[in-house]
């Protein structure tokens, strides 16, 4: 059974940093497209960053490009999202997703709050 567990969320001031982690069990992350999404109450879940399966190529949404960095550690079966220069608008629940063709697995989410 595939499980994804996120951690690393919290409360930070604008301009601060957080590093989110997503640990996978029951599978190897290298065979999946791995993505970080975020969602605010009443809004659609949006893609933040994505690493294509079997590559180290990361893609980012326009709103986070240059501030967020997604990486993958195959040995630890973990993906990370380093978030720098956080803005109030980055406040959301952040989710990790593994995708291959029509199969998706989601984590439970971790709350990120940016507030002064």
N, C-alpha and C. Protein backbone atom coordinates (compact mmCIF):
# COMPACT_ATOMS: atom_id res chain seq x y z
N UNK A 1 0.84 -1.19 0.00
CA UNK A 1 0.00 0.00 0.00
C UNK A 1 0.88 1.25 0.00
N UNK A 2 0.61 2.14 -0.94
CA UNK A 2 1.40 3.37 -1.05
C UNK A 2 0.92 4.38 -0.03
N UNK A 3 1.87 4.95 0.71
CA UNK A 3 1.55 6.02 1.64
C UNK A 3 2.54 7.15 1.46
N UNK A 4 2.04 8.37 1.54
CA UNK A 4 2.87 9.57 1.49
C UNK A 4 2.60 10.36 2.76
N UNK A 5 3.66 10.73 3.45
CA UNK A 5 3.50 11.47 4.69
C UNK A 5 4.31 12.75 4.62
N UNK A 6 3.61 13.89 4.68
CA UNK A 6 4.26 15.19 4.65
C UNK A 6 4.59 15.66 6.05
N UNK A 7 5.59 16.50 6.14
CA UNK A 7 5.93 17.16 7.41
C UNK A 7 6.71 18.42 7.08
N UNK A 8 6.91 19.24 8.11
CA UNK A 8 7.73 20.43 7.96
C UNK A 8 6.97 21.73 7.89
N UNK A 9 5.64 21.66 7.88
CA UNK A 9 4.87 22.89 7.87
C UNK A 9 4.96 23.62 9.20
N UNK A 10 4.43 24.84 9.21
CA UNK A 10 4.46 25.61 10.44
C UNK A 10 4.10 27.05 10.20
N UNK A 11 4.40 27.88 11.20
CA UNK A 11 4.11 29.31 11.17
C UNK A 11 5.42 30.07 11.03
N UNK A 12 5.48 30.92 10.00
CA UNK A 12 6.67 31.74 9.80
C UNK A 12 6.26 33.16 9.46
N UNK A 13 7.21 34.08 9.63
CA UNK A 13 6.99 35.47 9.24
C UNK A 13 7.26 35.63 7.75
N UNK A 14 6.70 36.65 7.14
CA UNK A 14 7.04 36.92 5.73
C UNK A 14 8.55 37.07 5.56
N UNK A 15 9.06 36.48 4.48
CA UNK A 15 10.49 36.46 4.25
C UNK A 15 11.20 35.26 4.83
N UNK A 16 10.49 34.49 5.64
CA UNK A 16 11.07 33.31 6.27
C UNK A 16 11.12 32.12 5.34
N UNK A 17 11.61 30.99 5.89
CA UNK A 17 11.80 29.77 5.10
C UNK A 17 11.24 28.57 5.83
N UNK A 18 10.83 27.59 5.04
CA UNK A 18 10.44 26.29 5.55
C UNK A 18 10.90 25.23 4.55
N UNK A 19 11.15 24.03 5.06
CA UNK A 19 11.52 22.91 4.19
C UNK A 19 10.53 21.77 4.45
N UNK A 20 9.68 21.52 3.48
CA UNK A 20 8.71 20.44 3.60
C UNK A 20 9.32 19.12 3.14
N UNK A 21 8.90 18.04 3.78
CA UNK A 21 9.35 16.70 3.40
C UNK A 21 8.14 15.82 3.10
N UNK A 22 8.31 14.89 2.18
CA UNK A 22 7.28 13.91 1.86
C UNK A 22 7.96 12.55 1.74
N UNK A 23 7.70 11.70 2.74
CA UNK A 23 8.30 10.37 2.76
C UNK A 23 7.31 9.36 2.19
N UNK A 24 7.79 8.54 1.27
CA UNK A 24 6.93 7.53 0.66
C UNK A 24 7.23 6.15 1.23
N UNK A 25 6.19 5.36 1.39
CA UNK A 25 6.34 3.96 1.77
C UNK A 25 5.47 3.11 0.86
N UNK A 26 5.86 1.85 0.70
CA UNK A 26 5.10 0.95 -0.17
C UNK A 26 5.40 1.10 -1.64
N UNK A 27 6.35 1.98 -1.98
CA UNK A 27 6.72 2.18 -3.37
C UNK A 27 8.07 2.89 -3.42
N UNK A 28 8.59 3.06 -4.62
CA UNK A 28 9.83 3.81 -4.83
C UNK A 28 9.49 5.09 -5.58
N UNK A 29 9.86 6.25 -5.02
CA UNK A 29 9.43 7.51 -5.60
C UNK A 29 10.00 7.73 -6.99
N UNK A 30 11.08 7.03 -7.32
CA UNK A 30 11.73 7.26 -8.61
C UNK A 30 10.84 6.89 -9.79
N UNK A 31 9.89 5.99 -9.56
CA UNK A 31 9.05 5.54 -10.67
C UNK A 31 7.81 6.40 -10.86
N UNK A 32 7.63 7.40 -9.98
CA UNK A 32 6.44 8.25 -10.05
C UNK A 32 6.81 9.68 -10.45
N UNK A 33 5.87 10.37 -11.09
CA UNK A 33 5.93 11.83 -11.14
C UNK A 33 5.54 12.32 -9.75
N UNK A 34 6.42 13.08 -9.14
CA UNK A 34 6.16 13.58 -7.78
C UNK A 34 5.86 15.06 -7.83
N UNK A 35 4.81 15.47 -7.12
CA UNK A 35 4.44 16.87 -7.14
C UNK A 35 4.08 17.40 -5.77
N UNK A 36 4.25 18.70 -5.61
CA UNK A 36 3.76 19.43 -4.45
C UNK A 36 2.61 20.32 -4.92
N UNK A 37 1.50 20.24 -4.22
CA UNK A 37 0.33 21.05 -4.50
C UNK A 37 -0.02 21.84 -3.24
N UNK A 38 -0.84 22.85 -3.42
CA UNK A 38 -1.34 23.57 -2.26
C UNK A 38 -2.79 23.96 -2.50
N UNK A 39 -3.49 24.13 -1.37
CA UNK A 39 -4.91 24.44 -1.45
C UNK A 39 -5.34 25.27 -0.26
N UNK A 40 -6.05 26.34 -0.55
CA UNK A 40 -6.65 27.17 0.49
C UNK A 40 -8.14 26.82 0.57
N UNK A 41 -8.77 27.08 1.71
CA UNK A 41 -10.20 26.77 1.85
C UNK A 41 -11.03 27.43 0.75
N UNK A 42 -11.88 26.66 0.11
CA UNK A 42 -12.75 27.19 -0.92
C UNK A 42 -12.11 27.39 -2.28
N UNK A 43 -10.83 27.00 -2.39
CA UNK A 43 -10.13 27.18 -3.66
C UNK A 43 -9.69 25.83 -4.21
N UNK A 44 -9.39 25.83 -5.51
CA UNK A 44 -8.91 24.60 -6.14
C UNK A 44 -7.47 24.32 -5.73
N UNK A 45 -7.14 23.03 -5.69
CA UNK A 45 -5.77 22.65 -5.42
C UNK A 45 -4.92 23.00 -6.63
N UNK A 46 -3.78 23.63 -6.38
CA UNK A 46 -2.94 24.07 -7.48
C UNK A 46 -1.55 23.43 -7.39
N UNK A 47 -0.99 23.17 -8.57
CA UNK A 47 0.35 22.61 -8.63
C UNK A 47 1.38 23.68 -8.31
N UNK A 48 2.31 23.34 -7.41
CA UNK A 48 3.38 24.25 -7.03
C UNK A 48 4.68 23.86 -7.72
N UNK A 49 5.01 22.57 -7.64
CA UNK A 49 6.27 22.09 -8.21
C UNK A 49 6.11 20.62 -8.54
N UNK A 50 6.95 20.16 -9.49
CA UNK A 50 6.80 18.77 -9.95
C UNK A 50 8.14 18.28 -10.46
N UNK A 51 8.46 17.02 -10.13
CA UNK A 51 9.63 16.36 -10.68
C UNK A 51 9.14 15.16 -11.49
N UNK A 52 9.55 15.11 -12.76
CA UNK A 52 9.14 14.03 -13.64
C UNK A 52 9.85 12.74 -13.26
N UNK A 53 9.12 11.64 -13.38
CA UNK A 53 9.67 10.33 -13.01
C UNK A 53 10.96 10.04 -13.76
N UNK A 54 11.87 9.40 -13.04
CA UNK A 54 13.15 8.94 -13.57
C UNK A 54 14.03 10.09 -14.07
N UNK A 55 13.74 11.30 -13.67
CA UNK A 55 14.59 12.44 -14.00
C UNK A 55 14.77 13.29 -12.75
N UNK A 56 15.61 14.27 -12.85
CA UNK A 56 15.74 15.27 -11.78
C UNK A 56 15.22 16.63 -12.24
N UNK A 57 14.42 16.62 -13.31
CA UNK A 57 13.91 17.88 -13.86
C UNK A 57 12.72 18.36 -13.04
N UNK A 58 12.83 19.54 -12.47
CA UNK A 58 11.75 20.12 -11.67
C UNK A 58 11.11 21.27 -12.43
N UNK A 59 9.80 21.36 -12.32
CA UNK A 59 9.04 22.47 -12.92
C UNK A 59 8.28 23.17 -11.81
N UNK A 60 8.08 24.49 -11.99
CA UNK A 60 7.48 25.30 -10.94
C UNK A 60 6.37 26.18 -11.49
N UNK A 61 5.42 26.50 -10.62
CA UNK A 61 4.42 27.48 -11.00
C UNK A 61 5.07 28.86 -11.03
N UNK A 62 4.47 29.77 -11.77
CA UNK A 62 5.01 31.12 -11.87
C UNK A 62 5.08 31.81 -10.51
N UNK A 63 4.13 31.50 -9.64
CA UNK A 63 4.04 32.20 -8.36
C UNK A 63 5.17 31.83 -7.39
N UNK A 64 5.84 30.69 -7.62
CA UNK A 64 6.87 30.27 -6.69
C UNK A 64 8.26 30.14 -7.33
N UNK A 65 8.32 30.24 -8.63
CA UNK A 65 9.60 30.06 -9.33
C UNK A 65 10.62 31.08 -8.82
N UNK A 66 11.81 30.59 -8.49
CA UNK A 66 12.85 31.46 -7.95
C UNK A 66 12.86 31.52 -6.43
N UNK A 67 11.77 31.07 -5.80
CA UNK A 67 11.70 31.08 -4.33
C UNK A 67 11.66 29.66 -3.76
N UNK A 68 11.03 28.75 -4.47
CA UNK A 68 10.87 27.37 -4.01
C UNK A 68 11.77 26.45 -4.84
N UNK A 69 12.28 25.41 -4.18
CA UNK A 69 13.10 24.41 -4.86
C UNK A 69 12.63 23.02 -4.44
N UNK A 70 12.31 22.21 -5.43
CA UNK A 70 11.90 20.83 -5.17
C UNK A 70 13.05 19.89 -5.50
N UNK A 71 13.33 18.98 -4.57
CA UNK A 71 14.39 18.00 -4.79
C UNK A 71 13.89 16.62 -4.39
N UNK A 72 14.66 15.62 -4.77
CA UNK A 72 14.29 14.23 -4.48
C UNK A 72 15.52 13.50 -3.99
N UNK A 73 15.37 12.75 -2.92
CA UNK A 73 16.44 11.89 -2.39
C UNK A 73 15.96 10.45 -2.54
N UNK A 74 16.48 9.79 -3.57
CA UNK A 74 16.02 8.43 -3.86
C UNK A 74 16.38 7.47 -2.73
N UNK A 75 17.56 7.66 -2.14
CA UNK A 75 18.00 6.77 -1.07
C UNK A 75 17.06 6.84 0.14
N UNK A 76 16.52 8.02 0.40
CA UNK A 76 15.60 8.21 1.53
C UNK A 76 14.14 8.09 1.10
N UNK A 77 13.92 7.87 -0.21
CA UNK A 77 12.55 7.77 -0.72
C UNK A 77 11.71 8.97 -0.33
N UNK A 78 12.31 10.14 -0.46
CA UNK A 78 11.71 11.37 0.05
C UNK A 78 11.85 12.49 -0.98
N UNK A 79 10.83 13.31 -1.09
CA UNK A 79 10.93 14.55 -1.85
C UNK A 79 10.80 15.71 -0.88
N UNK A 80 11.42 16.82 -1.26
CA UNK A 80 11.46 18.00 -0.41
C UNK A 80 10.96 19.21 -1.19
N UNK A 81 10.49 20.19 -0.45
CA UNK A 81 10.16 21.47 -1.03
C UNK A 81 10.76 22.55 -0.13
N UNK A 82 11.88 23.10 -0.57
CA UNK A 82 12.52 24.20 0.16
C UNK A 82 11.84 25.49 -0.25
N UNK A 83 11.26 26.16 0.72
CA UNK A 83 10.50 27.39 0.45
C UNK A 83 11.20 28.56 1.11
N UNK A 84 11.68 29.48 0.30
CA UNK A 84 12.38 30.66 0.79
C UNK A 84 11.58 31.92 0.46
N UNK A 85 11.90 32.98 1.18
CA UNK A 85 11.25 34.27 0.95
C UNK A 85 9.73 34.11 0.91
N UNK A 86 9.21 33.46 1.92
CA UNK A 86 7.78 33.17 1.95
C UNK A 86 6.94 34.44 2.05
N UNK A 87 5.81 34.39 1.39
CA UNK A 87 4.87 35.51 1.37
C UNK A 87 3.56 35.09 2.04
N UNK A 88 2.79 36.08 2.48
CA UNK A 88 1.51 35.79 3.12
C UNK A 88 0.62 34.96 2.19
N UNK A 89 0.75 35.23 0.90
CA UNK A 89 -0.07 34.51 -0.08
C UNK A 89 0.31 33.04 -0.22
N UNK A 90 1.43 32.63 0.38
CA UNK A 90 1.83 31.22 0.34
C UNK A 90 1.12 30.40 1.42
N UNK A 91 0.34 31.05 2.26
CA UNK A 91 -0.40 30.33 3.31
C UNK A 91 -1.40 29.38 2.68
N UNK A 92 -1.26 28.10 2.98
CA UNK A 92 -2.10 27.05 2.40
C UNK A 92 -1.79 25.74 3.11
N UNK A 93 -2.57 24.73 2.78
CA UNK A 93 -2.20 23.36 3.11
C UNK A 93 -1.44 22.81 1.90
N UNK A 94 -0.29 22.23 2.16
CA UNK A 94 0.57 21.72 1.09
C UNK A 94 0.48 20.18 1.08
N UNK A 95 0.28 19.66 -0.12
CA UNK A 95 0.09 18.22 -0.31
C UNK A 95 1.16 17.67 -1.25
N UNK A 96 1.55 16.46 -0.98
CA UNK A 96 2.46 15.72 -1.83
C UNK A 96 1.64 14.73 -2.66
N UNK A 97 1.99 14.57 -3.92
CA UNK A 97 1.28 13.63 -4.78
C UNK A 97 2.24 12.81 -5.61
N UNK A 98 1.93 11.52 -5.72
CA UNK A 98 2.64 10.62 -6.63
C UNK A 98 1.68 10.25 -7.75
N UNK A 99 2.14 10.38 -8.99
CA UNK A 99 1.28 10.12 -10.14
C UNK A 99 1.99 9.27 -11.17
N UNK A 100 1.27 8.29 -11.71
CA UNK A 100 1.74 7.55 -12.87
C UNK A 100 0.52 7.17 -13.69
N UNK A 101 0.46 7.68 -14.90
CA UNK A 101 -0.70 7.48 -15.79
C UNK A 101 -1.96 7.89 -15.03
N UNK A 102 -2.90 6.99 -14.80
CA UNK A 102 -4.16 7.37 -14.16
C UNK A 102 -4.18 7.12 -12.66
N UNK A 103 -3.07 6.79 -12.09
CA UNK A 103 -3.02 6.47 -10.67
C UNK A 103 -2.41 7.62 -9.89
N UNK A 104 -3.13 8.10 -8.89
CA UNK A 104 -2.66 9.16 -8.01
C UNK A 104 -2.67 8.67 -6.56
N UNK A 105 -1.64 9.09 -5.83
CA UNK A 105 -1.62 8.91 -4.38
C UNK A 105 -1.32 10.25 -3.75
N UNK A 106 -2.07 10.59 -2.70
CA UNK A 106 -1.92 11.87 -2.03
C UNK A 106 -1.53 11.66 -0.57
N UNK A 107 -0.76 12.62 -0.06
CA UNK A 107 -0.52 12.65 1.37
C UNK A 107 -1.64 13.38 2.08
N UNK A 108 -1.52 13.47 3.39
CA UNK A 108 -2.60 14.07 4.19
C UNK A 108 -2.48 15.59 4.28
N UNK A 109 -1.35 16.14 3.87
CA UNK A 109 -1.18 17.58 3.86
C UNK A 109 -0.48 18.10 5.11
N UNK A 110 0.18 19.25 4.94
CA UNK A 110 0.82 19.93 6.06
C UNK A 110 0.54 21.42 5.92
N UNK A 111 0.17 22.04 7.03
CA UNK A 111 -0.24 23.45 7.01
C UNK A 111 0.98 24.37 7.03
N UNK A 112 0.97 25.32 6.10
CA UNK A 112 1.97 26.39 6.08
C UNK A 112 1.24 27.71 6.28
N UNK A 113 1.64 28.45 7.30
CA UNK A 113 1.04 29.74 7.59
C UNK A 113 2.12 30.80 7.62
N UNK A 114 1.94 31.82 6.79
CA UNK A 114 2.88 32.94 6.74
C UNK A 114 2.14 34.16 7.25
N UNK A 115 2.60 34.69 8.37
CA UNK A 115 1.89 35.79 9.00
C UNK A 115 2.87 36.67 9.77
N UNK A 116 2.56 37.97 9.78
CA UNK A 116 3.38 38.89 10.54
C UNK A 116 2.82 39.05 11.95
